[in-house]
Protein backbone atom coordinates (compact mmCIF):
# COMPACT_ATOMS: atom_id res chain seq x y z
CA UNK A 1 0.00 0.00 0.00
CA UNK A 2 1.32 3.38 -1.00
CA UNK A 3 1.80 6.17 1.51
CA UNK A 4 1.86 8.83 -1.20
CA UNK A 5 -1.38 10.57 -2.08
CA UNK A 6 -2.25 10.80 -5.76
CA UNK A 7 -2.55 14.28 -7.26
CA UNK A 8 -6.03 15.66 -7.91
CA UNK A 9 -5.51 14.99 -11.63
CA UNK A 10 -4.58 11.37 -10.87
CA UNK A 11 -7.65 11.04 -8.61
CA UNK A 12 -9.92 12.29 -11.42
CA UNK A 13 -8.25 9.87 -13.81
CA UNK A 14 -8.92 7.01 -11.36
CA UNK A 15 -12.61 7.99 -11.29
CA UNK A 16 -12.80 7.97 -15.09
CA UNK A 17 -10.81 4.75 -15.47
CA UNK A 18 -13.00 3.02 -12.87
CA UNK A 19 -16.07 3.88 -14.91
CA UNK A 20 -17.65 6.73 -12.92
CA UNK A 21 -20.15 8.79 -14.89
CA UNK A 22 -19.69 12.51 -15.56
CA UNK A 23 -22.40 13.24 -12.97
CA UNK A 24 -20.58 11.25 -10.29
CA UNK A 25 -17.31 13.02 -11.15
CA UNK A 26 -19.05 16.44 -11.00
CA UNK A 27 -20.47 15.47 -7.60
CA UNK A 28 -17.03 14.39 -6.35
CA UNK A 29 -15.48 17.66 -7.52
CA UNK A 30 -18.21 19.68 -5.78
CA UNK A 31 -17.78 17.69 -2.55
CA UNK A 32 -14.00 18.17 -2.74
CA UNK A 33 -14.35 21.94 -3.21
CA UNK A 34 -16.66 22.25 -0.18
CA UNK A 35 -14.60 19.82 1.92
CA UNK A 36 -11.44 21.86 1.32
CA UNK A 37 -13.31 25.06 2.31
CA UNK A 38 -14.48 23.36 5.53
CA UNK A 39 -10.94 22.05 6.18
CA UNK A 40 -9.52 25.56 5.73
CA UNK A 41 -12.13 26.90 8.17
CA UNK A 42 -10.95 24.25 10.65
CA UNK A 43 -7.33 25.32 10.12
CA UNK A 44 -8.26 28.96 10.70
CA UNK A 45 -9.64 27.89 14.06
CA UNK A 46 -6.35 26.23 14.96
CA UNK A 47 -7.24 22.63 14.12
CA UNK A 48 -4.68 20.34 12.56
CA UNK A 49 -6.16 19.03 9.32
CA UNK A 50 -4.51 17.55 6.23
CA UNK A 51 -5.92 19.64 3.36
CA UNK A 52 -4.43 17.42 0.67
CA UNK A 53 -5.93 14.27 2.23
CA UNK A 54 -9.32 15.98 2.49
CA UNK A 55 -9.21 17.00 -1.18
CA UNK A 56 -8.09 13.61 -2.52
CA UNK A 57 -10.37 11.67 -0.18
CA UNK A 58 -13.32 13.81 -1.24
CA UNK A 59 -12.52 13.44 -4.93
CA UNK A 60 -12.41 9.66 -4.54
CA UNK A 61 -15.16 9.16 -1.91
CA UNK A 62 -17.70 7.90 -4.48
CA UNK A 63 -15.37 5.85 -6.70
CA UNK A 64 -17.48 2.80 -5.81
CA UNK A 65 -20.38 4.35 -7.72
CA UNK A 66 -18.56 3.15 -10.84
CA UNK A 67 -20.00 -0.28 -9.94
CA UNK A 68 -23.08 0.34 -7.74
CA UNK A 69 -25.26 3.18 -6.54
CA UNK A 70 -26.44 1.31 -3.45
CA UNK A 71 -25.03 1.86 0.04
CA UNK A 72 -22.49 -0.83 -0.89
CA UNK A 73 -20.62 1.75 -2.99
CA UNK A 74 -18.58 2.50 0.14
CA UNK A 75 -17.26 -1.07 0.35
CA UNK A 76 -16.89 -1.38 -3.42
CA UNK A 77 -15.03 1.93 -3.46
CA UNK A 78 -12.65 0.80 -0.71
CA UNK A 79 -11.94 -2.37 -2.73
CA UNK A 80 -11.24 -0.32 -5.87
CA UNK A 81 -8.99 2.00 -3.85
CA UNK A 82 -7.00 -1.00 -2.57
CA UNK A 83 -6.46 -2.26 -6.13
CA UNK A 84 -5.18 1.24 -7.01
CA UNK A 85 -2.70 0.97 -4.10
CA UNK A 86 -4.09 4.12 -2.47
CA UNK A 87 -2.98 5.08 1.05
CA UNK A 88 -5.00 3.71 3.97
CA UNK A 89 -6.31 7.17 5.04
CA UNK A 90 -7.97 7.57 1.60
CA UNK A 91 -9.46 4.07 1.80
CA UNK A 92 -10.85 4.91 5.24
CA UNK A 93 -12.49 8.09 3.95
CA UNK A 94 -14.14 6.09 1.15
CA UNK A 95 -15.48 3.34 3.41
CA UNK A 96 -16.63 5.69 6.20
CA UNK A 97 -18.33 8.52 4.26
CA UNK A 98 -21.82 7.00 3.93
CA UNK A 99 -24.56 8.77 5.92
CA UNK A 100 -23.25 9.75 9.31
CA UNK A 101 -21.47 6.40 9.36
CA UNK A 102 -22.61 2.79 9.46
CA UNK A 103 -22.64 1.03 12.85
CA UNK A 104 -21.10 -2.41 13.38
CA UNK A 105 -24.60 -3.93 13.66
CA UNK A 106 -25.78 -2.24 10.43
CA UNK A 107 -22.60 -3.35 8.64
CA UNK A 108 -23.20 -6.93 9.78
CA UNK A 109 -26.78 -6.81 8.44
CA UNK A 110 -25.43 -5.47 5.13
CA UNK A 111 -22.98 -8.38 4.97
CA UNK A 112 -19.95 -6.08 5.14
CA UNK A 113 -16.59 -7.25 6.53
CA UNK A 114 -16.05 -6.54 10.22
CA UNK A 115 -14.52 -3.05 10.35
CA UNK A 116 -15.20 0.52 11.48
CA UNK A 117 -17.56 2.40 9.13
CA UNK A 118 -18.17 5.54 11.18
CA UNK A 119 -15.91 8.54 10.44
CA UNK A 120 -13.12 8.67 13.04
CA UNK A 121 -10.59 11.29 11.95
CA UNK A 122 -11.27 14.95 11.33
CA UNK A 123 -10.56 14.44 7.61
CA UNK A 124 -13.07 11.56 7.43
CA UNK A 125 -15.70 13.65 9.20
CA UNK A 126 -15.13 16.64 6.92
CA UNK A 127 -15.55 14.56 3.74
CA UNK A 128 -18.63 12.75 5.09
CA UNK A 129 -20.17 16.07 6.13
CA UNK A 130 -19.38 17.85 2.86
CA UNK A 131 -20.98 14.92 1.02
CA UNK A 132 -24.21 15.50 2.98
CA UNK A 133 -24.25 19.13 1.81
CA UNK A 134 -23.91 18.40 -1.91
CA UNK A 135 -26.78 17.02 -3.95
CA UNK A 136 -25.63 16.28 -7.46
CA UNK A 137 -23.15 19.12 -7.83
CA UNK A 138 -25.20 21.75 -5.93
CA UNK A 139 -24.75 22.71 -2.30
CA UNK A 140 -27.86 22.16 -0.21
CA UNK A 141 -28.74 22.93 3.41
CA UNK A 142 -28.35 20.05 5.87
CA UNK A 143 -32.10 20.25 6.56
CA UNK A 144 -32.81 19.20 2.97
CA UNK A 145 -30.44 16.23 3.25
CA UNK A 146 -32.00 15.16 6.53
CA UNK A 147 -35.48 15.47 5.04
CA UNK A 148 -34.48 13.35 2.01
CA UNK A 149 -32.65 10.74 4.09
CA UNK A 150 -35.55 10.55 6.58
CA UNK A 151 -37.67 8.96 3.87
CA UNK A 152 -35.32 6.00 3.47
CA UNK A 153 -33.17 5.67 6.60
CA UNK A 154 -33.99 4.73 10.20
CA UNK A 155 -34.08 7.47 12.84
CA UNK A 156 -30.80 6.18 14.32
CA UNK A 157 -29.03 6.93 11.01
CA UNK A 158 -30.59 10.40 10.88
CA UNK A 159 -29.41 11.01 14.44
CA UNK A 160 -25.81 10.23 13.39
CA UNK A 161 -26.04 12.75 10.53
CA UNK A 162 -27.42 15.37 12.94
CA UNK A 163 -24.63 14.58 15.41
CA UNK A 164 -22.02 15.00 12.65
CA UNK A 165 -23.65 18.32 11.70
CA UNK A 166 -23.53 19.59 15.31
CA UNK A 167 -19.92 18.48 15.68
CA UNK A 168 -18.87 20.25 12.48
CA UNK A 169 -20.71 23.44 13.46
CA UNK A 170 -18.87 23.38 16.79
CA UNK A 171 -15.57 23.11 14.92
CA UNK A 172 -16.14 25.67 12.15
CA UNK A 173 -18.82 27.96 13.54
CA UNK A 174 -20.83 29.98 11.07
CA UNK A 175 -18.63 29.31 8.06
CA UNK A 176 -19.56 31.18 4.88
CA UNK A 177 -18.88 27.93 3.00
CA UNK A 178 -21.99 26.24 4.43
CA UNK A 179 -25.15 26.34 2.32
C-alpha cells in the first residue's frame, strides 16, 4: 500500500478509469471543493487538518459508484482503492463517508466485513459532512439532506447525521462555506 497521495488529476483519472459517470465526477469535484473550504475553516480555528488528504479523499469518496449506486458503494469503493494501491487514510475516507457512518450492527446486516464504518478522523468527518451538503453538484442545506434521508433511513441513522452536523458546526462555527 502506497503512503503517497495521488494528485487531484490522478484522482480524477482514477474515477474515469474506474467507470464513474460525468455526474458522479461532477459530484465528487463539488464535494471536494466544499470539503477543502471546511478544512480551511478548521485550520483557521487552529485545528490540525490535512488539506491534501481531504481534497483527494473527497474526490475519490464515491469511486465505488462506478459499480453500484447502493449503500455498498462504500465497500466497493474501498476495494477499488486498494487495487489502485491508495494510502489507507484515503481508503478509510471512502469506506466511512456513507450517511453519518454505518454502525457495526448495520454493517453486519449489510454483509460487510467486520470493520469501522463511522468517520473517526477529522478528515473523514469533513468529507462525510461535505458529502451530505452536496446534492448532485449543488450545495444544499443540511435540513434538505436530513429530510431526504428521513424517507429511506432509520431514525438512528438520521441522528448520526445530525450529530455530525452539530460536531462540524462546533468546529467551524458559522462558516460562509456552508449552504
